[in-house]
PDB file of N, CA and C in Angstrom:
ATOM      1  N   MET A   1       0.846  -1.186   0.000  1.00  0.00           N
ATOM      2  CA  MET A   1       0.000   0.000   0.000  1.00  0.00           C
ATOM      3  C   MET A   1       0.890   1.248   0.000  1.00  0.00           C
ATOM      4  N   SER A   2       0.611   2.156  -0.904  1.00  0.00           N
ATOM      5  CA  SER A   2       1.420   3.369  -0.992  1.00  0.00           C
ATOM      6  C   SER A   2       0.901   4.431  -0.026  1.00  0.00           C
ATOM      7  N   SER A   3       1.795   5.312   0.363  1.00  0.00           N
ATOM      8  CA  SER A   3       1.418   6.399   1.269  1.00  0.00           C
ATOM      9  C   SER A   3       0.786   7.532   0.469  1.00  0.00           C
ATOM     10  N   LEU A   4       0.123   8.416   1.162  1.00  0.00           N
ATOM     11  CA  LEU A   4      -0.449   9.592   0.515  1.00  0.00           C
ATOM     12  C   LEU A   4       0.672  10.411  -0.134  1.00  0.00           C
ATOM     13  N   TYR A   5       1.807  10.463   0.525  1.00  0.00           N
ATOM     14  CA  TYR A   5       2.989  11.147  -0.015  1.00  0.00           C
ATOM     15  C   TYR A   5       3.323  10.604  -1.407  1.00  0.00           C
ATOM     16  N   GLU A   6       3.367   9.285  -1.538  1.00  0.00           N
ATOM     17  CA  GLU A   6       3.682   8.666  -2.827  1.00  0.00           C
ATOM     18  C   GLU A   6       2.569   8.903  -3.839  1.00  0.00           C
ATOM     19  N   GLU A   7       1.322   8.813  -3.397  1.00  0.00           N
ATOM     20  CA  GLU A   7       0.190   9.025  -4.298  1.00  0.00           C
ATOM     21  C   GLU A   7       0.147  10.454  -4.829  1.00  0.00           C
ATOM     22  N   MET A   8       0.679  11.391  -4.052  1.00  0.00           N
ATOM     23  CA  MET A   8       0.701  12.796  -4.468  1.00  0.00           C
ATOM     24  C   MET A   8       1.869  13.099  -5.410  1.00  0.00           C
ATOM     25  N   GLY A   9       2.745  12.137  -5.619  1.00  0.00           N
ATOM     26  CA  GLY A   9       3.865  12.334  -6.537  1.00  0.00           C
ATOM     27  C   GLY A   9       5.225  12.343  -5.886  1.00  0.00           C
ATOM     28  N   GLY A  10       5.262  12.139  -4.559  1.00  0.00           N
ATOM     29  CA  GLY A  10       6.538  12.057  -3.859  1.00  0.00           C
ATOM     30  C   GLY A  10       7.297  13.372  -3.809  1.00  0.00           C
ATOM     31  N   ARG A  11       8.593  13.251  -3.666  1.00  0.00           N
ATOM     32  CA  ARG A  11       9.463  14.412  -3.444  1.00  0.00           C
ATOM     33  C   ARG A  11       9.308  15.501  -4.510  1.00  0.00           C
ATOM     34  N   ALA A  12       9.185  15.119  -5.763  1.00  0.00           N
ATOM     35  CA  ALA A  12       9.090  16.116  -6.841  1.00  0.00           C
ATOM     36  C   ALA A  12       7.902  17.046  -6.637  1.00  0.00           C
ATOM     37  N   THR A  13       6.777  16.498  -6.208  1.00  0.00           N
ATOM     38  CA  THR A  13       5.582  17.314  -5.966  1.00  0.00           C
ATOM     39  C   THR A  13       5.838  18.326  -4.861  1.00  0.00           C
ATOM     40  N   PHE A  14       6.446  17.875  -3.777  1.00  0.00           N
ATOM     41  CA  PHE A  14       6.682  18.756  -2.641  1.00  0.00           C
ATOM     42  C   PHE A  14       7.789  19.771  -2.934  1.00  0.00           C
ATOM     43  N   GLU A  15       8.777  19.385  -3.709  1.00  0.00           N
ATOM     44  CA  GLU A  15       9.801  20.352  -4.124  1.00  0.00           C
ATOM     45  C   GLU A  15       9.172  21.468  -4.957  1.00  0.00           C
ATOM     46  N   ASP A  16       8.277  21.098  -5.870  1.00  0.00           N
ATOM     47  CA  ASP A  16       7.594  22.106  -6.691  1.00  0.00           C
ATOM     48  C   ASP A  16       6.747  23.034  -5.829  1.00  0.00           C
ATOM     49  N   LEU A  17       6.011  22.458  -4.891  1.00  0.00           N
ATOM     50  CA  LEU A  17       5.151  23.237  -4.002  1.00  0.00           C
ATOM     51  C   LEU A  17       5.973  24.246  -3.195  1.00  0.00           C
ATOM     52  N   VAL A  18       7.040  23.773  -2.578  1.00  0.00           N
ATOM     53  CA  VAL A  18       7.887  24.625  -1.739  1.00  0.00           C
ATOM     54  C   VAL A  18       8.606  25.677  -2.586  1.00  0.00           C
ATOM     55  N   SER A  19       9.072  25.293  -3.749  1.00  0.00           N
ATOM     56  CA  SER A  19       9.742  26.245  -4.639  1.00  0.00           C
ATOM     57  C   SER A  19       8.791  27.369  -5.046  1.00  0.00           C
ATOM     58  N   HIS A  20       7.584  27.013  -5.409  1.00  0.00           N
ATOM     59  CA  HIS A  20       6.576  28.013  -5.794  1.00  0.00           C
ATOM     60  C   HIS A  20       6.250  28.923  -4.607  1.00  0.00           C
ATOM     61  N   PHE A  21       6.051  28.324  -3.433  1.00  0.00           N
ATOM     62  CA  PHE A  21       5.717  29.088  -2.238  1.00  0.00           C
ATOM     63  C   PHE A  21       6.803  30.122  -1.928  1.00  0.00           C
ATOM     64  N   TYR A  22       8.071  29.692  -1.906  1.00  0.00           N
ATOM     65  CA  TYR A  22       9.140  30.616  -1.544  1.00  0.00           C
ATOM     66  C   TYR A  22       9.460  31.626  -2.644  1.00  0.00           C
ATOM     67  N   ALA A  23       9.128  31.318  -3.882  1.00  0.00           N
ATOM     68  CA  ALA A  23       9.250  32.330  -4.940  1.00  0.00           C
ATOM     69  C   ALA A  23       8.297  33.481  -4.646  1.00  0.00           C
ATOM     70  N   LEU A  24       7.102  33.166  -4.149  1.00  0.00           N
ATOM     71  CA  LEU A  24       6.133  34.199  -3.790  1.00  0.00           C
ATOM     72  C   LEU A  24       6.532  34.918  -2.503  1.00  0.00           C
ATOM     73  N   VAL A  25       6.992  34.168  -1.514  1.00  0.00           N
ATOM     74  CA  VAL A  25       7.418  34.763  -0.243  1.00  0.00           C
ATOM     75  C   VAL A  25       8.564  35.748  -0.463  1.00  0.00           C
ATOM     76  N   SER A  26       9.462  35.415  -1.360  1.00  0.00           N
ATOM     77  CA  SER A  26      10.657  36.248  -1.559  1.00  0.00           C
ATOM     78  C   SER A  26      10.332  37.668  -1.996  1.00  0.00           C
ATOM     79  N   THR A  27       9.156  37.878  -2.567  1.00  0.00           N
ATOM     80  CA  THR A  27       8.774  39.221  -3.017  1.00  0.00           C
ATOM     81  C   THR A  27       7.568  39.772  -2.262  1.00  0.00           C
ATOM     82  N   ASP A  28       7.117  39.061  -1.252  1.00  0.00           N
ATOM     83  CA  ASP A  28       5.923  39.487  -0.523  1.00  0.00           C
ATOM     84  C   ASP A  28       6.289  40.495   0.567  1.00  0.00           C
ATOM     85  N   PRO A  29       5.678  41.677   0.557  1.00  0.00           N
ATOM     86  CA  PRO A  29       6.035  42.709   1.537  1.00  0.00           C
ATOM     87  C   PRO A  29       5.625  42.378   2.972  1.00  0.00           C
ATOM     88  N   ILE A  30       4.690  41.483   3.154  1.00  0.00           N
ATOM     89  CA  ILE A  30       4.259  41.105   4.507  1.00  0.00           C
ATOM     90  C   ILE A  30       5.096  39.952   5.045  1.00  0.00           C
ATOM     91  N   LEU A  31       5.322  38.929   4.230  1.00  0.00           N
ATOM     92  CA  LEU A  31       6.014  37.736   4.711  1.00  0.00           C
ATOM     93  C   LEU A  31       7.536  37.825   4.650  1.00  0.00           C
ATOM     94  N   ARG A  32       8.077  38.475   3.659  1.00  0.00           N
ATOM     95  CA  ARG A  32       9.531  38.483   3.483  1.00  0.00           C
ATOM     96  C   ARG A  32      10.281  38.974   4.716  1.00  0.00           C
ATOM     97  N   PRO A  33       9.797  40.002   5.429  1.00  0.00           N
ATOM     98  CA  PRO A  33      10.517  40.452   6.629  1.00  0.00           C
ATOM     99  C   PRO A  33      10.602  39.397   7.741  1.00  0.00           C
ATOM    100  N   MET A  34       9.770  38.375   7.689  1.00  0.00           N
ATOM    101  CA  MET A  34       9.819  37.319   8.705  1.00  0.00           C
ATOM    102  C   MET A  34      10.978  36.357   8.471  1.00  0.00           C
ATOM    103  N   TYR A  35      11.600  36.449   7.322  1.00  0.00           N
ATOM    104  CA  TYR A  35      12.702  35.570   6.955  1.00  0.00           C
ATOM    105  C   TYR A  35      13.970  36.411   6.851  1.00  0.00           C
ATOM    106  N   PRO A  36      14.730  36.538   7.934  1.00  0.00           N
ATOM    107  CA  PRO A  36      15.882  37.437   7.939  1.00  0.00           C
ATOM    108  C   PRO A  36      17.056  36.967   7.095  1.00  0.00           C
ATOM    109  N   GLU A  37      17.043  35.712   6.697  1.00  0.00           N
ATOM    110  CA  GLU A  37      18.163  35.183   5.930  1.00  0.00           C
ATOM    111  C   GLU A  37      18.232  35.844   4.557  1.00  0.00           C
ATOM    112  N   GLU A  38      19.439  36.086   4.096  1.00  0.00           N
ATOM    113  CA  GLU A  38      19.614  36.609   2.739  1.00  0.00           C
ATOM    114  C   GLU A  38      19.081  35.605   1.729  1.00  0.00           C
ATOM    115  N   ASP A  39      19.251  34.346   2.057  1.00  0.00           N
ATOM    116  CA  ASP A  39      18.845  33.262   1.180  1.00  0.00           C
ATOM    117  C   ASP A  39      17.744  32.477   1.888  1.00  0.00           C
ATOM    118  N   LEU A  40      16.657  32.248   1.213  1.00  0.00           N
ATOM    119  CA  LEU A  40      15.539  31.515   1.815  1.00  0.00           C
ATOM    120  C   LEU A  40      15.741  30.002   1.754  1.00  0.00           C
ATOM    121  N   LYS A  41      16.897  29.568   1.298  1.00  0.00           N
ATOM    122  CA  LYS A  41      17.142  28.143   1.090  1.00  0.00           C
ATOM    123  C   LYS A  41      16.926  27.311   2.359  1.00  0.00           C
ATOM    124  N   GLY A  42      17.430  27.778   3.487  1.00  0.00           N
ATOM    125  CA  GLY A  42      17.278  27.015   4.730  1.00  0.00           C
ATOM    126  C   GLY A  42      15.822  26.851   5.122  1.00  0.00           C
ATOM    127  N   ALA A  43      15.056  27.921   5.018  1.00  0.00           N
ATOM    128  CA  ALA A  43      13.628  27.846   5.344  1.00  0.00           C
ATOM    129  C   ALA A  43      12.914  26.910   4.385  1.00  0.00           C
ATOM    130  N   ALA A  44      13.270  26.967   3.119  1.00  0.00           N
ATOM    131  CA  ALA A  44      12.645  26.096   2.122  1.00  0.00           C
ATOM    132  C   ALA A  44      12.964  24.630   2.404  1.00  0.00           C
ATOM    133  N   GLU A  45      14.188  24.341   2.777  1.00  0.00           N
ATOM    134  CA  GLU A  45      14.570  22.960   3.090  1.00  0.00           C
ATOM    135  C   GLU A  45      13.800  22.445   4.300  1.00  0.00           C
ATOM    136  N   ARG A  46      13.636  23.286   5.316  1.00  0.00           N
ATOM    137  CA  ARG A  46      12.898  22.864   6.512  1.00  0.00           C
ATOM    138  C   ARG A  46      11.427  22.609   6.187  1.00  0.00           C
ATOM    139  N   LEU A  47      10.815  23.487   5.392  1.00  0.00           N
ATOM    140  CA  LEU A  47       9.418  23.281   5.018  1.00  0.00           C
ATOM    141  C   LEU A  47       9.267  22.018   4.180  1.00  0.00           C
ATOM    142  N   LEU A  48      10.177  21.791   3.260  1.00  0.00           N
ATOM    143  CA  LEU A  48      10.128  20.579   2.444  1.00  0.00           C
ATOM    144  C   LEU A  48      10.181  19.334   3.322  1.00  0.00           C
ATOM    145  N   MET A  49      11.134  19.291   4.243  1.00  0.00           N
ATOM    146  CA  MET A  49      11.243  18.123   5.129  1.00  0.00           C
ATOM    147  C   MET A  49       9.986  17.954   5.970  1.00  0.00           C
ATOM    148  N   PHE A  50       9.441  19.055   6.489  1.00  0.00           N
ATOM    149  CA  PHE A  50       8.237  18.985   7.315  1.00  0.00           C
ATOM    150  C   PHE A  50       7.061  18.439   6.509  1.00  0.00           C
ATOM    151  N   LEU A  51       6.827  18.994   5.326  1.00  0.00           N
ATOM    152  CA  LEU A  51       5.693  18.555   4.511  1.00  0.00           C
ATOM    153  C   LEU A  51       5.839  17.101   4.078  1.00  0.00           C
ATOM    154  N   GLU A  52       7.040  16.708   3.708  1.00  0.00           N
ATOM    155  CA  GLU A  52       7.255  15.307   3.325  1.00  0.00           C
ATOM    156  C   GLU A  52       6.886  14.375   4.479  1.00  0.00           C
ATOM    157  N   GLN A  53       7.352  14.694   5.660  1.00  0.00           N
ATOM    158  CA  GLN A  53       7.067  13.844   6.818  1.00  0.00           C
ATOM    159  C   GLN A  53       5.581  13.852   7.148  1.00  0.00           C
ATOM    160  N   TYR A  54       4.960  15.024   7.134  1.00  0.00           N
ATOM    161  CA  TYR A  54       3.541  15.162   7.479  1.00  0.00           C
ATOM    162  C   TYR A  54       2.665  14.313   6.563  1.00  0.00           C
ATOM    163  N   TRP A  55       3.008  14.264   5.287  1.00  0.00           N
ATOM    164  CA  TRP A  55       2.188  13.539   4.317  1.00  0.00           C
ATOM    165  C   TRP A  55       2.626  12.092   4.115  1.00  0.00           C
ATOM    166  N   GLY A  56       3.480  11.568   4.991  1.00  0.00           N
ATOM    167  CA  GLY A  56       3.812  10.142   4.958  1.00  0.00           C
ATOM    168  C   GLY A  56       5.099   9.790   4.244  1.00  0.00           C
ATOM    169  N   GLY A  57       5.930  10.771   3.976  1.00  0.00           N
ATOM    170  CA  GLY A  57       7.212  10.525   3.319  1.00  0.00           C
ATOM    171  C   GLY A  57       8.323  10.321   4.330  1.00  0.00           C
ATOM    172  N   PRO A  58       9.543  10.591   3.933  1.00  0.00           N
ATOM    173  CA  PRO A  58      10.694  10.403   4.821  1.00  0.00           C
ATOM    174  C   PRO A  58      10.556  11.204   6.120  1.00  0.00           C
ATOM    175  N   THR A  59      11.123  10.672   7.175  1.00  0.00           N
ATOM    176  CA  THR A  59      11.049  11.319   8.492  1.00  0.00           C
ATOM    177  C   THR A  59      12.300  12.164   8.774  1.00  0.00           C
ATOM    178  N   THR A  60      12.875  12.693   7.740  1.00  0.00           N
ATOM    179  CA  THR A  60      14.104  13.483   7.853  1.00  0.00           C
ATOM    180  C   THR A  60      13.935  14.675   8.780  1.00  0.00           C
ATOM    181  N   TYR A  61      12.765  15.310   8.752  1.00  0.00           N
ATOM    182  CA  TYR A  61      12.557  16.483   9.608  1.00  0.00           C
ATOM    183  C   TYR A  61      12.794  16.118  11.070  1.00  0.00           C
ATOM    184  N   SER A  62      12.111  15.093  11.557  1.00  0.00           N
ATOM    185  CA  SER A  62      12.253  14.698  12.965  1.00  0.00           C
ATOM    186  C   SER A  62      13.653  14.186  13.271  1.00  0.00           C
ATOM    187  N   GLU A  63      14.248  13.495  12.322  1.00  0.00           N
ATOM    188  CA  GLU A  63      15.596  12.976  12.536  1.00  0.00           C
ATOM    189  C   GLU A  63      16.603  14.113  12.705  1.00  0.00           C
ATOM    190  N   GLN A  64      16.423  15.188  11.966  1.00  0.00           N
ATOM    191  CA  GLN A  64      17.375  16.297  12.024  1.00  0.00           C
ATOM    192  C   GLN A  64      17.004  17.368  13.036  1.00  0.00           C
ATOM    193  N   ARG A  65      15.700  17.587  13.246  1.00  0.00           N
ATOM    194  CA  ARG A  65      15.262  18.730  14.053  1.00  0.00           C
ATOM    195  C   ARG A  65      14.419  18.351  15.267  1.00  0.00           C
ATOM    196  N   GLY A  66      14.100  17.083  15.414  1.00  0.00           N
ATOM    197  CA  GLY A  66      13.261  16.666  16.528  1.00  0.00           C
ATOM    198  C   GLY A  66      11.789  16.927  16.244  1.00  0.00           C
ATOM    199  N   HIS A  67      10.991  16.905  17.288  1.00  0.00           N
ATOM    200  CA  HIS A  67       9.552  17.150  17.151  1.00  0.00           C
ATOM    201  C   HIS A  67       9.331  18.530  16.537  1.00  0.00           C
ATOM    202  N   PRO A  68       8.365  18.668  15.633  1.00  0.00           N
ATOM    203  CA  PRO A  68       8.155  19.964  14.974  1.00  0.00           C
ATOM    204  C   PRO A  68       7.888  21.138  15.919  1.00  0.00           C
ATOM    205  N   ARG A  69       7.156  20.950  16.985  1.00  0.00           N
ATOM    206  CA  ARG A  69       6.847  22.030  17.941  1.00  0.00           C
ATOM    207  C   ARG A  69       6.580  23.351  17.220  1.00  0.00           C
ATOM    208  N   LEU A  70       5.582  23.332  16.361  1.00  0.00           N
ATOM    209  CA  LEU A  70       5.308  24.487  15.505  1.00  0.00           C
ATOM    210  C   LEU A  70       5.012  25.762  16.277  1.00  0.00           C
ATOM    211  N   ARG A  71       4.261  25.665  17.363  1.00  0.00           N
ATOM    212  CA  ARG A  71       3.976  26.879  18.149  1.00  0.00           C
ATOM    213  C   ARG A  71       5.255  27.488  18.704  1.00  0.00           C
ATOM    214  N   MET A  72       6.107  26.649  19.256  1.00  0.00           N
ATOM    215  CA  MET A  72       7.356  27.134  19.831  1.00  0.00           C
ATOM    216  C   MET A  72       8.249  27.755  18.750  1.00  0.00           C
ATOM    217  N   ARG A  73       8.360  27.088  17.626  1.00  0.00           N
ATOM    218  CA  ARG A  73       9.249  27.568  16.562  1.00  0.00           C
ATOM    219  C   ARG A  73       8.766  28.873  15.939  1.00  0.00           C
ATOM    220  N   HIS A  74       7.444  29.099  15.978  1.00  0.00           N
ATOM    221  CA  HIS A  74       6.901  30.312  15.364  1.00  0.00           C
ATOM    222  C   HIS A  74       6.563  31.404  16.381  1.00  0.00           C
ATOM    223  N   ALA A  75       6.737  31.127  17.656  1.00  0.00           N
ATOM    224  CA  ALA A  75       6.401  32.095  18.709  1.00  0.00           C
ATOM    225  C   ALA A  75       7.126  33.438  18.570  1.00  0.00           C
ATOM    226  N   PRO A  76       8.373  33.472  18.121  1.00  0.00           N
ATOM    227  CA  PRO A  76       9.066  34.765  18.025  1.00  0.00           C
ATOM    228  C   PRO A  76       8.511  35.704  16.946  1.00  0.00           C
ATOM    229  N   PHE A  77       7.657  35.196  16.093  1.00  0.00           N
ATOM    230  CA  PHE A  77       7.172  35.994  14.969  1.00  0.00           C
ATOM    231  C   PHE A  77       5.794  36.568  15.250  1.00  0.00           C
ATOM    232  N   ALA A  78       5.583  37.800  14.844  1.00  0.00           N
ATOM    233  CA  ALA A  78       4.269  38.445  14.975  1.00  0.00           C
ATOM    234  C   ALA A  78       3.398  37.974  13.815  1.00  0.00           C
ATOM    235  N   ILE A  79       2.602  36.945  14.082  1.00  0.00           N
ATOM    236  CA  ILE A  79       1.748  36.378  13.044  1.00  0.00           C
ATOM    237  C   ILE A  79       0.304  36.707  13.385  1.00  0.00           C
ATOM    238  N   GLY A  80      -0.253  37.623  12.640  1.00  0.00           N
ATOM    239  CA  GLY A  80      -1.644  38.022  12.811  1.00  0.00           C
ATOM    240  C   GLY A  80      -2.485  37.527  11.645  1.00  0.00           C
ATOM    241  N   GLU A  81      -3.674  38.075  11.538  1.00  0.00           N
ATOM    242  CA  GLU A  81      -4.575  37.655  10.465  1.00  0.00           C
ATOM    243  C   GLU A  81      -3.998  37.955   9.085  1.00  0.00           C
ATOM    244  N   ALA A  82      -3.383  39.112   8.921  1.00  0.00           N
ATOM    245  CA  ALA A  82      -2.826  39.476   7.608  1.00  0.00           C
ATOM    246  C   ALA A  82      -1.734  38.492   7.189  1.00  0.00           C
ATOM    247  N   GLU A  83      -0.829  38.174   8.110  1.00  0.00           N
ATOM    248  CA  GLU A  83       0.254  37.238   7.813  1.00  0.00           C
ATOM    249  C   GLU A  83      -0.304  35.849   7.514  1.00  0.00           C
ATOM    250  N   ARG A  84      -1.252  35.422   8.324  1.00  0.00           N
ATOM    251  CA  ARG A  84      -1.884  34.120   8.104  1.00  0.00           C
ATOM    252  C   ARG A  84      -2.524  34.049   6.726  1.00  0.00           C
ATOM    253  N   ASP A  85      -3.305  35.069   6.395  1.00  0.00           N
ATOM    254  CA  ASP A  85      -4.039  35.065   5.129  1.00  0.00           C
ATOM    255  C   ASP A  85      -3.102  35.063   3.921  1.00  0.00           C
ATOM    256  N   VAL A  86      -2.040  35.862   3.993  1.00  0.00           N
ATOM    257  CA  VAL A  86      -1.085  35.901   2.877  1.00  0.00           C
ATOM    258  C   VAL A  86      -0.360  34.569   2.758  1.00  0.00           C
ATOM    259  N   TRP A  87       0.033  33.985   3.894  1.00  0.00           N
ATOM    260  CA  TRP A  87       0.722  32.688   3.879  1.00  0.00           C
ATOM    261  C   TRP A  87      -0.165  31.641   3.215  1.00  0.00           C
ATOM    262  N   LEU A  88      -1.430  31.600   3.600  1.00  0.00           N
ATOM    263  CA  LEU A  88      -2.348  30.617   3.020  1.00  0.00           C
ATOM    264  C   LEU A  88      -2.612  30.885   1.541  1.00  0.00           C
ATOM    265  N   LYS A  89      -2.620  32.137   1.160  1.00  0.00           N
ATOM    266  CA  LYS A  89      -2.853  32.498  -0.244  1.00  0.00           C
ATOM    267  C   LYS A  89      -1.737  31.971  -1.143  1.00  0.00           C
ATOM    268  N   HIS A  90      -0.509  32.058  -0.642  1.00  0.00           N
ATOM    269  CA  HIS A  90       0.628  31.607  -1.446  1.00  0.00           C
ATOM    270  C   HIS A  90       0.640  30.103  -1.530  1.00  0.00           C
TER     271      HIS A  90
END
């Protein structure tokens, strides 16, 4: 039995999704300031690993970073309705 991750197209699908998302984030006036890195590559890699694991793919995220603890990891950022809505739109 294949996982949902595999049924969705595996790594290539998630790489495309994350690449598209960060292409939009890189020019977004609301979200871009939340990513202080000159290069969004690290954030993109973390999101890719998280999404792959969440949808039944490799568990690389937990192996490298431990439990996701999303609230803790995002607590330093001022995320309001505007930020949420733009993030979901992308």
